[in-house]
N, C-alpha and C. Protein backbone atom coordinates (compact mmCIF):
# COMPACT_ATOMS: atom_id res chain seq x y z
N MET A 1 46.26 -84.77 123.12
CA MET A 1 45.90 -85.18 124.45
C MET A 1 44.85 -86.26 124.34
N ALA A 2 45.15 -87.39 124.92
CA ALA A 2 44.32 -88.56 124.68
C ALA A 2 43.35 -88.82 125.82
N LEU A 3 42.31 -89.53 125.45
CA LEU A 3 41.30 -89.96 126.39
C LEU A 3 41.40 -91.46 126.51
N ASN A 4 41.74 -91.95 127.67
CA ASN A 4 41.83 -93.38 127.89
C ASN A 4 41.05 -93.71 129.15
N LEU A 5 39.98 -94.46 129.00
CA LEU A 5 39.18 -94.84 130.14
C LEU A 5 39.23 -96.35 130.30
N LYS A 6 39.47 -96.81 131.52
CA LYS A 6 39.48 -98.24 131.81
C LYS A 6 38.81 -98.41 133.16
N ASN A 7 37.73 -99.15 133.19
CA ASN A 7 36.99 -99.38 134.43
C ASN A 7 36.63 -98.08 135.13
N GLY A 8 36.26 -97.07 134.34
CA GLY A 8 35.85 -95.80 134.92
C GLY A 8 36.99 -94.89 135.32
N ASP A 9 38.22 -95.39 135.24
CA ASP A 9 39.38 -94.56 135.61
C ASP A 9 39.91 -93.86 134.38
N SER A 10 40.40 -92.68 134.56
CA SER A 10 40.97 -91.91 133.47
C SER A 10 42.48 -91.97 133.55
N MET A 11 43.10 -92.09 132.40
CA MET A 11 44.55 -92.00 132.34
C MET A 11 44.96 -90.54 132.46
N GLY A 12 44.03 -89.63 132.31
CA GLY A 12 44.32 -88.22 132.47
C GLY A 12 44.71 -87.53 131.19
N PHE A 13 44.98 -86.25 131.33
CA PHE A 13 45.38 -85.44 130.19
C PHE A 13 46.83 -85.75 129.85
N LYS A 14 47.12 -85.82 128.55
CA LYS A 14 48.50 -86.05 128.14
C LYS A 14 48.70 -85.51 126.74
N GLY A 15 49.95 -85.40 126.36
CA GLY A 15 50.30 -84.88 125.05
C GLY A 15 50.55 -83.39 125.09
N ALA A 16 51.04 -82.88 123.97
CA ALA A 16 51.30 -81.44 123.85
C ALA A 16 50.86 -80.99 122.47
N SER A 17 50.33 -79.78 122.39
CA SER A 17 49.91 -79.22 121.10
C SER A 17 50.11 -77.72 121.13
N VAL A 18 50.35 -77.17 119.95
CA VAL A 18 50.59 -75.73 119.81
C VAL A 18 49.31 -75.07 119.31
N HIS A 19 48.98 -73.94 119.92
CA HIS A 19 47.76 -73.20 119.57
C HIS A 19 48.06 -71.72 119.46
N THR A 20 47.28 -71.04 118.64
CA THR A 20 47.41 -69.60 118.48
C THR A 20 46.45 -68.90 119.43
N ILE A 21 46.91 -67.84 120.03
CA ILE A 21 46.07 -67.00 120.88
C ILE A 21 45.54 -65.87 120.02
N ASN A 22 44.22 -65.69 119.97
CA ASN A 22 43.70 -64.61 119.13
C ASN A 22 43.83 -63.27 119.85
N GLU A 23 43.45 -62.20 119.15
CA GLU A 23 43.62 -60.83 119.67
C GLU A 23 42.90 -60.61 121.00
N SER A 24 41.79 -61.31 121.21
CA SER A 24 41.03 -61.12 122.44
C SER A 24 41.50 -62.03 123.57
N GLY A 25 42.51 -62.88 123.29
CA GLY A 25 43.06 -63.74 124.34
C GLY A 25 42.42 -65.10 124.43
N ARG A 26 41.75 -65.52 123.38
CA ARG A 26 41.12 -66.85 123.38
C ARG A 26 42.05 -67.87 122.73
N ILE A 27 42.07 -69.06 123.32
CA ILE A 27 42.82 -70.18 122.74
C ILE A 27 41.90 -71.39 122.65
N SER A 28 42.13 -72.21 121.64
CA SER A 28 41.37 -73.44 121.48
C SER A 28 41.91 -74.50 122.42
N ILE A 29 40.99 -75.21 123.03
CA ILE A 29 41.35 -76.35 123.88
C ILE A 29 41.23 -77.59 123.01
N PRO A 30 42.24 -78.46 122.99
CA PRO A 30 42.19 -79.65 122.14
C PRO A 30 40.91 -80.45 122.34
N ALA A 31 40.39 -80.99 121.24
CA ALA A 31 39.12 -81.74 121.27
C ALA A 31 39.16 -82.89 122.27
N LYS A 32 40.26 -83.62 122.33
CA LYS A 32 40.33 -84.76 123.25
C LYS A 32 40.34 -84.31 124.71
N THR A 33 40.87 -83.14 124.97
CA THR A 33 40.82 -82.59 126.32
C THR A 33 39.38 -82.24 126.67
N ARG A 34 38.65 -81.64 125.72
CA ARG A 34 37.24 -81.32 125.94
C ARG A 34 36.42 -82.59 126.17
N GLU A 35 36.71 -83.64 125.41
CA GLU A 35 36.02 -84.92 125.58
C GLU A 35 36.23 -85.46 126.99
N LEU A 36 37.47 -85.39 127.46
CA LEU A 36 37.79 -85.87 128.80
C LEU A 36 37.06 -85.05 129.85
N LEU A 37 37.03 -83.75 129.67
CA LEU A 37 36.31 -82.89 130.62
C LEU A 37 34.83 -83.27 130.68
N LYS A 38 34.23 -83.53 129.53
CA LYS A 38 32.81 -83.90 129.50
C LYS A 38 32.57 -85.29 130.09
N SER A 39 33.38 -86.26 129.68
CA SER A 39 33.10 -87.64 130.07
C SER A 39 33.49 -87.95 131.51
N VAL A 40 34.60 -87.41 131.97
CA VAL A 40 35.06 -87.72 133.32
C VAL A 40 34.54 -86.71 134.34
N TYR A 41 34.52 -85.44 133.97
CA TYR A 41 34.17 -84.39 134.92
C TYR A 41 32.77 -83.81 134.70
N SER A 42 32.11 -84.19 133.61
CA SER A 42 30.77 -83.70 133.28
C SER A 42 30.69 -82.18 133.32
N ASN A 43 31.78 -81.54 132.95
CA ASN A 43 31.85 -80.09 133.07
C ASN A 43 32.99 -79.59 132.19
N GLU A 44 32.77 -78.46 131.54
CA GLU A 44 33.82 -77.87 130.71
C GLU A 44 34.31 -76.55 131.32
N THR A 45 34.36 -76.51 132.62
CA THR A 45 34.87 -75.34 133.32
C THR A 45 36.24 -75.67 133.89
N LEU A 46 37.16 -74.72 133.74
CA LEU A 46 38.52 -74.87 134.23
C LEU A 46 38.84 -73.76 135.22
N VAL A 47 39.69 -74.06 136.17
CA VAL A 47 40.22 -73.05 137.08
C VAL A 47 41.66 -72.81 136.66
N LEU A 48 41.95 -71.56 136.31
CA LEU A 48 43.29 -71.18 135.88
C LEU A 48 44.07 -70.62 137.06
N ALA A 49 45.30 -71.08 137.21
CA ALA A 49 46.19 -70.59 138.26
C ALA A 49 47.55 -70.31 137.63
N MET A 50 48.19 -69.28 138.11
CA MET A 50 49.51 -68.91 137.60
C MET A 50 50.58 -69.61 138.43
N LEU A 51 51.47 -70.34 137.76
CA LEU A 51 52.61 -70.96 138.42
C LEU A 51 53.87 -70.43 137.75
N SER A 52 54.68 -69.77 138.46
CA SER A 52 55.92 -69.16 137.99
C SER A 52 55.77 -68.55 136.60
N THR A 53 56.03 -69.31 135.54
CA THR A 53 56.02 -68.73 134.19
C THR A 53 54.95 -69.30 133.27
N TYR A 54 54.07 -70.13 133.80
CA TYR A 54 53.03 -70.73 132.97
C TYR A 54 51.72 -70.81 133.76
N ILE A 55 50.65 -71.11 133.03
CA ILE A 55 49.33 -71.21 133.62
C ILE A 55 48.97 -72.69 133.77
N VAL A 56 48.40 -73.04 134.91
CA VAL A 56 47.89 -74.38 135.14
C VAL A 56 46.38 -74.29 135.09
N ALA A 57 45.74 -75.22 134.36
CA ALA A 57 44.28 -75.27 134.26
C ALA A 57 43.79 -76.58 134.84
N TYR A 58 43.00 -76.48 135.89
CA TYR A 58 42.43 -77.65 136.55
C TYR A 58 40.95 -77.77 136.24
N PRO A 59 40.45 -78.98 135.99
CA PRO A 59 38.99 -79.16 136.01
C PRO A 59 38.51 -78.73 137.40
N VAL A 60 37.32 -78.18 137.49
CA VAL A 60 36.83 -77.65 138.76
C VAL A 60 36.94 -78.68 139.89
N GLN A 61 36.56 -79.93 139.62
CA GLN A 61 36.60 -80.95 140.67
C GLN A 61 38.03 -81.20 141.16
N GLU A 62 38.99 -81.16 140.26
CA GLU A 62 40.39 -81.34 140.67
C GLU A 62 40.87 -80.14 141.48
N TRP A 63 40.46 -78.94 141.07
CA TRP A 63 40.85 -77.75 141.83
C TRP A 63 40.26 -77.82 143.23
N GLU A 64 39.03 -78.27 143.37
CA GLU A 64 38.41 -78.36 144.69
C GLU A 64 39.21 -79.28 145.60
N LYS A 65 39.78 -80.36 145.06
CA LYS A 65 40.64 -81.25 145.85
C LYS A 65 41.91 -80.50 146.30
N LYS A 66 42.52 -79.76 145.37
CA LYS A 66 43.72 -78.98 145.71
C LYS A 66 43.40 -77.94 146.77
N GLU A 67 42.26 -77.30 146.62
CA GLU A 67 41.86 -76.27 147.58
C GLU A 67 41.65 -76.87 148.97
N ALA A 68 41.07 -78.06 149.02
CA ALA A 68 40.89 -78.74 150.32
C ALA A 68 42.25 -79.03 150.95
N GLU A 69 43.22 -79.43 150.14
CA GLU A 69 44.58 -79.66 150.66
C GLU A 69 45.17 -78.36 151.21
N LEU A 70 44.96 -77.25 150.48
CA LEU A 70 45.47 -75.96 150.95
C LEU A 70 44.82 -75.55 152.27
N GLN A 71 43.53 -75.77 152.38
CA GLN A 71 42.81 -75.39 153.59
C GLN A 71 43.20 -76.26 154.78
N ALA A 72 43.58 -77.50 154.51
CA ALA A 72 43.99 -78.41 155.58
C ALA A 72 45.36 -78.06 156.14
N ARG A 73 46.12 -77.29 155.37
CA ARG A 73 47.46 -76.90 155.81
C ARG A 73 47.59 -75.38 155.74
N PRO A 74 47.21 -74.70 156.81
CA PRO A 74 47.31 -73.24 156.81
C PRO A 74 48.75 -72.76 156.67
N PRO A 75 48.95 -71.55 156.17
CA PRO A 75 50.31 -71.01 156.03
C PRO A 75 51.05 -71.02 157.36
N GLN A 76 52.33 -71.39 157.31
CA GLN A 76 53.15 -71.49 158.51
C GLN A 76 53.95 -70.23 158.80
N ASN A 77 54.05 -69.35 157.78
CA ASN A 77 54.82 -68.13 157.97
C ASN A 77 54.36 -67.07 156.96
N LYS A 78 54.98 -65.92 157.04
CA LYS A 78 54.60 -64.80 156.18
C LYS A 78 54.80 -65.12 154.69
N ASN A 79 55.89 -65.79 154.36
CA ASN A 79 56.15 -66.12 152.95
C ASN A 79 55.08 -67.06 152.39
N GLU A 80 54.70 -68.06 153.18
CA GLU A 80 53.65 -68.97 152.73
C GLU A 80 52.31 -68.24 152.60
N ALA A 81 52.04 -67.34 153.53
CA ALA A 81 50.79 -66.57 153.46
C ALA A 81 50.76 -65.70 152.21
N ASN A 82 51.89 -65.08 151.90
CA ASN A 82 51.96 -64.25 150.70
C ASN A 82 51.84 -65.09 149.42
N ALA A 83 52.45 -66.27 149.42
CA ALA A 83 52.34 -67.16 148.26
C ALA A 83 50.89 -67.58 148.05
N LEU A 84 50.20 -67.90 149.12
CA LEU A 84 48.80 -68.28 149.04
C LEU A 84 47.94 -67.10 148.57
N ARG A 85 48.23 -65.93 149.09
CA ARG A 85 47.53 -64.71 148.68
C ARG A 85 47.71 -64.47 147.19
N ARG A 86 48.95 -64.63 146.71
CA ARG A 86 49.26 -64.44 145.29
C ARG A 86 48.51 -65.46 144.43
N LEU A 87 48.48 -66.71 144.91
CA LEU A 87 47.76 -67.76 144.18
C LEU A 87 46.29 -67.39 144.03
N TYR A 88 45.62 -67.06 145.12
CA TYR A 88 44.19 -66.76 145.07
C TYR A 88 43.90 -65.47 144.31
N ALA A 89 44.79 -64.51 144.38
CA ALA A 89 44.59 -63.26 143.64
C ALA A 89 44.62 -63.47 142.14
N ASN A 90 45.28 -64.53 141.69
CA ASN A 90 45.42 -64.78 140.26
C ASN A 90 44.57 -65.94 139.75
N LEU A 91 43.68 -66.49 140.58
CA LEU A 91 42.81 -67.57 140.13
C LEU A 91 41.69 -67.02 139.25
N GLU A 92 41.37 -67.76 138.21
CA GLU A 92 40.26 -67.40 137.32
C GLU A 92 39.52 -68.66 136.94
N GLU A 93 38.21 -68.60 136.97
CA GLU A 93 37.39 -69.72 136.50
C GLU A 93 36.90 -69.37 135.10
N VAL A 94 37.12 -70.27 134.15
CA VAL A 94 36.73 -70.02 132.77
C VAL A 94 35.96 -71.23 132.22
N SER A 95 35.06 -70.94 131.30
CA SER A 95 34.29 -72.01 130.65
C SER A 95 34.68 -72.08 129.19
N ILE A 96 34.62 -73.27 128.65
CA ILE A 96 34.91 -73.47 127.23
C ILE A 96 33.68 -73.03 126.44
N ASP A 97 33.90 -72.17 125.45
CA ASP A 97 32.78 -71.67 124.65
C ASP A 97 32.37 -72.67 123.56
N LYS A 98 31.37 -72.31 122.78
CA LYS A 98 30.84 -73.22 121.75
C LYS A 98 31.86 -73.54 120.67
N GLN A 99 32.87 -72.69 120.50
CA GLN A 99 33.93 -72.94 119.52
C GLN A 99 35.10 -73.72 120.12
N GLY A 100 34.96 -74.15 121.38
CA GLY A 100 36.01 -74.95 122.02
C GLY A 100 37.17 -74.13 122.55
N ARG A 101 36.92 -72.85 122.86
CA ARG A 101 38.00 -71.96 123.32
C ARG A 101 37.76 -71.50 124.74
N ILE A 102 38.84 -71.07 125.38
CA ILE A 102 38.73 -70.38 126.66
C ILE A 102 39.35 -69.00 126.50
N LEU A 103 38.88 -68.08 127.32
CA LEU A 103 39.43 -66.72 127.36
C LEU A 103 40.39 -66.64 128.53
N ILE A 104 41.64 -66.35 128.22
CA ILE A 104 42.63 -66.16 129.28
C ILE A 104 42.65 -64.66 129.61
N PRO A 105 42.33 -64.31 130.84
CA PRO A 105 42.28 -62.90 131.22
C PRO A 105 43.62 -62.18 130.96
N PRO A 106 43.55 -60.89 130.64
CA PRO A 106 44.75 -60.12 130.29
C PRO A 106 45.88 -60.22 131.32
N ALA A 107 45.56 -60.16 132.60
CA ALA A 107 46.61 -60.21 133.63
C ALA A 107 47.36 -61.54 133.59
N LEU A 108 46.65 -62.63 133.43
CA LEU A 108 47.32 -63.93 133.35
C LEU A 108 48.11 -64.06 132.05
N ARG A 109 47.54 -63.57 130.94
CA ARG A 109 48.27 -63.60 129.66
C ARG A 109 49.58 -62.85 129.79
N ALA A 110 49.54 -61.69 130.42
CA ALA A 110 50.75 -60.88 130.57
C ALA A 110 51.79 -61.60 131.42
N ARG A 111 51.36 -62.15 132.56
CA ARG A 111 52.31 -62.84 133.45
C ARG A 111 52.94 -64.06 132.78
N ALA A 112 52.15 -64.77 131.96
CA ALA A 112 52.66 -65.97 131.29
C ALA A 112 53.26 -65.66 129.92
N GLN A 113 53.30 -64.38 129.56
CA GLN A 113 53.86 -63.94 128.28
C GLN A 113 53.18 -64.63 127.09
N LEU A 114 51.87 -64.75 127.16
CA LEU A 114 51.11 -65.39 126.08
C LEU A 114 50.65 -64.32 125.11
N THR A 115 51.32 -64.24 123.96
CA THR A 115 51.01 -63.21 122.99
C THR A 115 50.66 -63.74 121.61
N ASP A 116 51.19 -64.85 121.21
CA ASP A 116 50.99 -65.34 119.85
C ASP A 116 50.67 -66.83 119.87
N GLU A 117 51.68 -67.64 120.08
CA GLU A 117 51.48 -69.08 120.14
C GLU A 117 51.74 -69.58 121.55
N CYS A 118 50.99 -70.62 121.90
CA CYS A 118 51.21 -71.24 123.19
C CYS A 118 51.24 -72.75 123.01
N THR A 119 51.83 -73.42 123.97
CA THR A 119 51.86 -74.87 123.99
C THR A 119 50.98 -75.32 125.14
N ILE A 120 50.05 -76.22 124.84
CA ILE A 120 49.18 -76.81 125.85
C ILE A 120 49.69 -78.22 126.11
N VAL A 121 49.99 -78.50 127.39
CA VAL A 121 50.59 -79.77 127.78
C VAL A 121 49.67 -80.48 128.76
N GLY A 122 49.32 -81.73 128.46
CA GLY A 122 48.53 -82.53 129.38
C GLY A 122 49.41 -83.08 130.49
N MET A 123 48.99 -82.89 131.72
CA MET A 123 49.77 -83.33 132.89
C MET A 123 48.87 -84.10 133.87
N ASP A 124 48.25 -85.17 133.37
CA ASP A 124 47.41 -86.06 134.17
C ASP A 124 46.11 -85.38 134.58
N LYS A 125 46.02 -84.80 135.77
CA LYS A 125 44.78 -84.21 136.27
C LYS A 125 44.65 -82.72 135.96
N ARG A 126 45.62 -82.18 135.22
CA ARG A 126 45.60 -80.75 134.88
C ARG A 126 46.24 -80.57 133.51
N ILE A 127 46.10 -79.37 132.98
CA ILE A 127 46.84 -79.02 131.77
C ILE A 127 47.66 -77.77 132.08
N GLU A 128 48.75 -77.61 131.34
CA GLU A 128 49.59 -76.43 131.47
C GLU A 128 49.52 -75.65 130.17
N ILE A 129 49.53 -74.33 130.29
CA ILE A 129 49.50 -73.45 129.13
C ILE A 129 50.76 -72.58 129.20
N TRP A 130 51.65 -72.78 128.23
CA TRP A 130 52.96 -72.13 128.21
C TRP A 130 53.10 -71.21 127.01
N ASN A 131 53.90 -70.16 127.16
CA ASN A 131 54.41 -69.42 126.02
C ASN A 131 55.23 -70.44 125.22
N LYS A 132 54.96 -70.57 123.92
CA LYS A 132 55.60 -71.60 123.11
C LYS A 132 57.12 -71.49 123.14
N GLY A 133 57.66 -70.29 122.96
CA GLY A 133 59.11 -70.11 122.96
C GLY A 133 59.73 -70.50 124.29
N LEU A 134 59.09 -70.12 125.39
CA LEU A 134 59.62 -70.46 126.71
C LEU A 134 59.55 -71.96 126.95
N TYR A 135 58.44 -72.58 126.55
CA TYR A 135 58.31 -74.04 126.70
C TYR A 135 59.41 -74.74 125.90
N ASP A 136 59.62 -74.31 124.66
CA ASP A 136 60.65 -74.92 123.82
C ASP A 136 62.03 -74.76 124.46
N GLU A 137 62.30 -73.58 125.03
CA GLU A 137 63.58 -73.32 125.70
C GLU A 137 63.78 -74.26 126.89
N VAL A 138 62.73 -74.35 127.72
CA VAL A 138 62.82 -75.18 128.92
C VAL A 138 63.04 -76.64 128.54
N MET A 139 62.32 -77.10 127.53
CA MET A 139 62.46 -78.50 127.11
C MET A 139 63.83 -78.75 126.46
N ALA A 140 64.36 -77.80 125.73
CA ALA A 140 65.68 -77.96 125.10
C ALA A 140 66.78 -77.95 126.15
N ALA A 141 66.61 -77.16 127.21
CA ALA A 141 67.64 -77.04 128.24
C ALA A 141 67.58 -78.19 129.24
N ASP A 142 66.47 -78.89 129.27
CA ASP A 142 66.28 -79.97 130.23
C ASP A 142 67.19 -81.14 129.89
N ASP A 143 68.00 -81.54 130.84
CA ASP A 143 68.87 -82.68 130.63
C ASP A 143 68.16 -83.92 131.14
N SER A 144 67.22 -84.42 130.35
CA SER A 144 66.41 -85.55 130.80
C SER A 144 66.82 -86.86 130.13
N SER A 145 68.09 -86.97 129.83
CA SER A 145 68.57 -88.23 129.27
C SER A 145 68.45 -89.31 130.33
N ASP A 146 68.48 -90.55 129.88
CA ASP A 146 68.38 -91.66 130.83
C ASP A 146 69.48 -91.59 131.88
N GLU A 147 70.70 -91.19 131.47
CA GLU A 147 71.80 -91.14 132.43
C GLU A 147 71.55 -90.08 133.50
N ALA A 148 71.02 -88.92 133.09
CA ALA A 148 70.79 -87.84 134.04
C ALA A 148 69.64 -88.17 135.00
N LEU A 149 68.60 -88.79 134.48
CA LEU A 149 67.45 -89.10 135.33
C LEU A 149 67.70 -90.30 136.22
N GLY A 150 68.40 -91.26 135.70
CA GLY A 150 68.64 -92.48 136.46
C GLY A 150 67.52 -93.48 136.22
N SER A 151 67.84 -94.72 136.35
CA SER A 151 66.87 -95.77 136.06
C SER A 151 65.74 -95.81 137.07
N GLN A 152 65.99 -95.39 138.32
CA GLN A 152 64.93 -95.43 139.33
C GLN A 152 63.78 -94.51 138.95
N PHE A 153 64.09 -93.33 138.42
CA PHE A 153 63.04 -92.40 138.01
C PHE A 153 62.22 -93.01 136.89
N ASN A 154 62.88 -93.57 135.90
CA ASN A 154 62.16 -94.21 134.80
C ASN A 154 61.26 -95.33 135.29
N GLU A 155 61.71 -96.10 136.25
CA GLU A 155 60.89 -97.18 136.80
C GLU A 155 59.68 -96.62 137.53
N LEU A 156 59.87 -95.52 138.23
CA LEU A 156 58.75 -94.90 138.96
C LEU A 156 57.68 -94.38 138.03
N ILE A 157 58.10 -93.78 136.92
CA ILE A 157 57.11 -93.15 136.05
C ILE A 157 56.55 -94.09 135.00
N LEU A 158 57.16 -95.20 134.74
CA LEU A 158 56.65 -96.11 133.71
C LEU A 158 55.91 -97.29 134.25
């Protein structure tokens, strides 16, 4: 995960790396991710949220922006209210320790099936923490060839 700063702007988190989860549920956060957290956010605290089968980790400032968006749009029905309730029930704030690790709480580890190895993926303003086997499966099954995506998508993202 690289750190690219130009005129004070960050290119964000990117790249993927595999890490081992220790017996107590700690995983190492890549050094370049920690550098970005310090230099851009002046903070090594992350907010963990569960999304379907993986964990999303936001720098606190980015999470606060997401939370403001959520508050600006109240739930429109029972399903949305339950989804929001589920999101907040599973939020955890964690700090990076002196060894560069975070502790993923047992409930989140269980939901994301994090038992041995995980893949940490940089996704601009957030990182994702996946069960390595599940991440590999999803990426292998993804039909992201140029023909399937279409040239317009490639133009949008590049």
